[in-house]
Amino acid sequence: MPAYVVVQVAVDDPAVYEKYKALAPPAIAAYGGRYIVRAGPSEILEGTWQPPRLVLLEFPTMQQARAWWASPEYAAAKALRQSCAETEMLLIEGFAPPTASG
């Protein structure tokens, strides 16, 4: 079952965050992850939520997403992000529609 990492980021130091953006993708890919959304324009449809930067990652499983987040491959990028931005991050199990047989 797929898993999604939803990240809201408020960048405090754009120069350092650019370094993070260069380091993060290979670590994400190493665990089967991919970007679904990477801070594109957003539009409020209901409510008032307007994150400064929103990222959505997809991983094949919850286990692979957890492994990426705790991995040595991501450690340096994570430390950079944590030093230059305020982050809210959720791991959410995806939905697998029922198959034709069941």
C-alpha atoms as a PDB file:
ATOM      1  CA  MET A   1       0.000   0.000   0.000  1.00  0.00           C
ATOM      2  CA  PRO A   2       1.455   3.408  -0.876  1.00  0.00           C
ATOM      3  CA  ALA A   3       2.397   5.923   1.786  1.00  0.00           C
ATOM      4  CA  TYR A   4       2.569   9.691   1.595  1.00  0.00           C
ATOM      5  CA  VAL A   5       4.694  12.223   3.410  1.00  0.00           C
ATOM      6  CA  VAL A   6       3.024  15.633   3.602  1.00  0.00           C
ATOM      7  CA  VAL A   7       5.390  18.462   4.489  1.00  0.00           C
ATOM      8  CA  GLN A   8       4.649  22.087   5.264  1.00  0.00           C
ATOM      9  CA  VAL A   9       7.822  24.187   5.265  1.00  0.00           C
ATOM     10  CA  ALA A  10       8.493  27.793   6.239  1.00  0.00           C
ATOM     11  CA  VAL A  11      11.990  28.592   4.991  1.00  0.00           C
ATOM     12  CA  ASP A  12      14.050  30.931   7.208  1.00  0.00           C
ATOM     13  CA  ASP A  13      17.315  30.805   5.218  1.00  0.00           C
ATOM     14  CA  PRO A  14      16.765  30.353   1.455  1.00  0.00           C
ATOM     15  CA  ALA A  15      20.481  29.894   0.671  1.00  0.00           C
ATOM     16  CA  VAL A  16      20.796  26.930   3.034  1.00  0.00           C
ATOM     17  CA  TYR A  17      17.452  25.535   1.843  1.00  0.00           C
ATOM     18  CA  GLU A  18      18.778  25.489  -1.737  1.00  0.00           C
ATOM     19  CA  LYS A  19      21.548  23.168  -0.531  1.00  0.00           C
ATOM     20  CA  TYR A  20      18.899  20.946   1.062  1.00  0.00           C
ATOM     21  CA  LYS A  21      16.952  20.820  -2.211  1.00  0.00           C
ATOM     22  CA  ALA A  22      20.056  19.504  -3.971  1.00  0.00           C
ATOM     23  CA  LEU A  23      20.751  16.781  -1.365  1.00  0.00           C
ATOM     24  CA  ALA A  24      17.234  15.486  -0.675  1.00  0.00           C
ATOM     25  CA  PRO A  25      16.089  13.990  -4.026  1.00  0.00           C
ATOM     26  CA  PRO A  26      18.722  11.218  -4.276  1.00  0.00           C
ATOM     27  CA  ALA A  27      17.984  10.103  -0.705  1.00  0.00           C
ATOM     28  CA  ILE A  28      14.240  10.077  -1.405  1.00  0.00           C
ATOM     29  CA  ALA A  29      14.717   8.059  -4.605  1.00  0.00           C
ATOM     30  CA  ALA A  30      17.016   5.576  -2.822  1.00  0.00           C
ATOM     31  CA  TYR A  31      14.001   4.460  -0.756  1.00  0.00           C
ATOM     32  CA  GLY A  32      11.571   4.280  -3.673  1.00  0.00           C
ATOM     33  CA  GLY A  33      10.153   7.736  -3.030  1.00  0.00           C
ATOM     34  CA  ARG A  34       9.150  10.380  -5.515  1.00  0.00           C
ATOM     35  CA  TYR A  35       7.855  13.921  -5.446  1.00  0.00           C
ATOM     36  CA  ILE A  36       4.153  14.331  -6.202  1.00  0.00           C
ATOM     37  CA  VAL A  37       4.060  18.032  -5.275  1.00  0.00           C
ATOM     38  CA  ARG A  38       7.105  20.226  -4.793  1.00  0.00           C
ATOM     39  CA  ALA A  39       5.927  23.665  -3.690  1.00  0.00           C
ATOM     40  CA  GLY A  40       3.927  24.693  -6.722  1.00  0.00           C
ATOM     41  CA  PRO A  41       1.315  27.441  -6.665  1.00  0.00           C
ATOM     42  CA  SER A  42      -1.681  26.743  -4.420  1.00  0.00           C
ATOM     43  CA  GLU A  43      -5.223  28.045  -4.215  1.00  0.00           C
ATOM     44  CA  ILE A  44      -7.495  28.021  -1.168  1.00  0.00           C
ATOM     45  CA  LEU A  45     -10.754  26.242  -1.948  1.00  0.00           C
ATOM     46  CA  GLU A  46     -12.097  26.154   1.627  1.00  0.00           C
ATOM     47  CA  GLY A  47     -10.879  27.436   4.960  1.00  0.00           C
ATOM     48  CA  THR A  48      -7.792  29.556   5.515  1.00  0.00           C
ATOM     49  CA  TRP A  49      -4.885  27.096   5.289  1.00  0.00           C
ATOM     50  CA  GLN A  50      -2.137  28.550   3.118  1.00  0.00           C
ATOM     51  CA  PRO A  51       1.175  26.824   3.782  1.00  0.00           C
ATOM     52  CA  PRO A  52       4.227  28.837   2.736  1.00  0.00           C
ATOM     53  CA  ARG A  53       5.646  25.746   0.963  1.00  0.00           C
ATOM     54  CA  LEU A  54       3.976  22.351   0.603  1.00  0.00           C
ATOM     55  CA  VAL A  55       5.656  19.130  -0.484  1.00  0.00           C
ATOM     56  CA  LEU A  56       4.026  15.742  -1.046  1.00  0.00           C
ATOM     57  CA  LEU A  57       6.155  12.618  -1.358  1.00  0.00           C
ATOM     58  CA  GLU A  58       4.976   9.142  -2.303  1.00  0.00           C
ATOM     59  CA  PHE A  59       6.669   5.933  -1.145  1.00  0.00           C
ATOM     60  CA  PRO A  60       5.747   2.358  -1.994  1.00  0.00           C
ATOM     61  CA  THR A  61       5.070   1.531   1.690  1.00  0.00           C
ATOM     62  CA  MET A  62       4.978   3.089   5.164  1.00  0.00           C
ATOM     63  CA  GLN A  63       8.050   1.028   6.034  1.00  0.00           C
ATOM     64  CA  GLN A  64      10.064   2.504   3.151  1.00  0.00           C
ATOM     65  CA  ALA A  65       9.011   6.042   4.086  1.00  0.00           C
ATOM     66  CA  ARG A  66      10.099   5.486   7.696  1.00  0.00           C
ATOM     67  CA  ALA A  67      13.373   3.952   6.525  1.00  0.00           C
ATOM     68  CA  TRP A  68      14.061   7.005   4.311  1.00  0.00           C
ATOM     69  CA  TRP A  69      13.346   9.462   7.124  1.00  0.00           C
ATOM     70  CA  ALA A  70      15.719   7.654   9.511  1.00  0.00           C
ATOM     71  CA  SER A  71      18.344   6.789   6.877  1.00  0.00           C
ATOM     72  CA  PRO A  72      22.001   7.770   6.777  1.00  0.00           C
ATOM     73  CA  GLU A  73      21.427   8.865   3.147  1.00  0.00           C
ATOM     74  CA  TYR A  74      18.926  11.505   4.290  1.00  0.00           C
ATOM     75  CA  ALA A  75      20.669  12.535   7.530  1.00  0.00           C
ATOM     76  CA  ALA A  76      22.762  15.397   6.096  1.00  0.00           C
ATOM     77  CA  ALA A  77      19.838  16.811   4.100  1.00  0.00           C
ATOM     78  CA  LYS A  78      17.518  16.542   7.112  1.00  0.00           C
ATOM     79  CA  ALA A  79      20.022  18.397   9.307  1.00  0.00           C
ATOM     80  CA  LEU A  80      20.255  21.202   6.729  1.00  0.00           C
ATOM     81  CA  ARG A  81      16.455  21.498   6.489  1.00  0.00           C
ATOM     82  CA  GLN A  82      16.068  21.518  10.251  1.00  0.00           C
ATOM     83  CA  SER A  83      18.689  24.265  10.537  1.00  0.00           C
ATOM     84  CA  CYS A  84      17.050  26.613   8.033  1.00  0.00           C
ATOM     85  CA  ALA A  85      13.294  25.978   8.126  1.00  0.00           C
ATOM     86  CA  GLU A  86      10.302  25.315  10.357  1.00  0.00           C
ATOM     87  CA  THR A  87       8.702  22.056   9.268  1.00  0.00           C
ATOM     88  CA  GLU A  88       5.474  20.162   9.924  1.00  0.00           C
ATOM     89  CA  MET A  89       5.597  16.610   8.521  1.00  0.00           C
ATOM     90  CA  LEU A  90       3.062  13.774   8.440  1.00  0.00           C
ATOM     91  CA  LEU A  91       3.328  10.188   7.250  1.00  0.00           C
ATOM     92  CA  ILE A  92      -0.030   8.932   5.960  1.00  0.00           C
ATOM     93  CA  GLU A  93      -0.968   5.493   4.716  1.00  0.00           C
ATOM     94  CA  GLY A  94      -2.418   5.629   1.222  1.00  0.00           C
ATOM     95  CA  PHE A  95      -5.557   4.026  -0.126  1.00  0.00           C
ATOM     96  CA  ALA A  96      -5.578   0.944  -2.292  1.00  0.00           C
ATOM     97  CA  PRO A  97      -8.869   0.625  -4.163  1.00  0.00           C
ATOM     98  CA  PRO A  98     -10.475  -2.807  -4.068  1.00  0.00           C
ATOM     99  CA  THR A  99      -9.461  -5.147  -6.858  1.00  0.00           C
ATOM    100  CA  ALA A 100     -11.972  -6.595  -9.319  1.00  0.00           C
ATOM    101  CA  SER A 101     -11.734  -9.929  -7.525  1.00  0.00           C
ATOM    102  CA  GLY A 102     -12.473  -8.660  -4.068  1.00  0.00           C
END
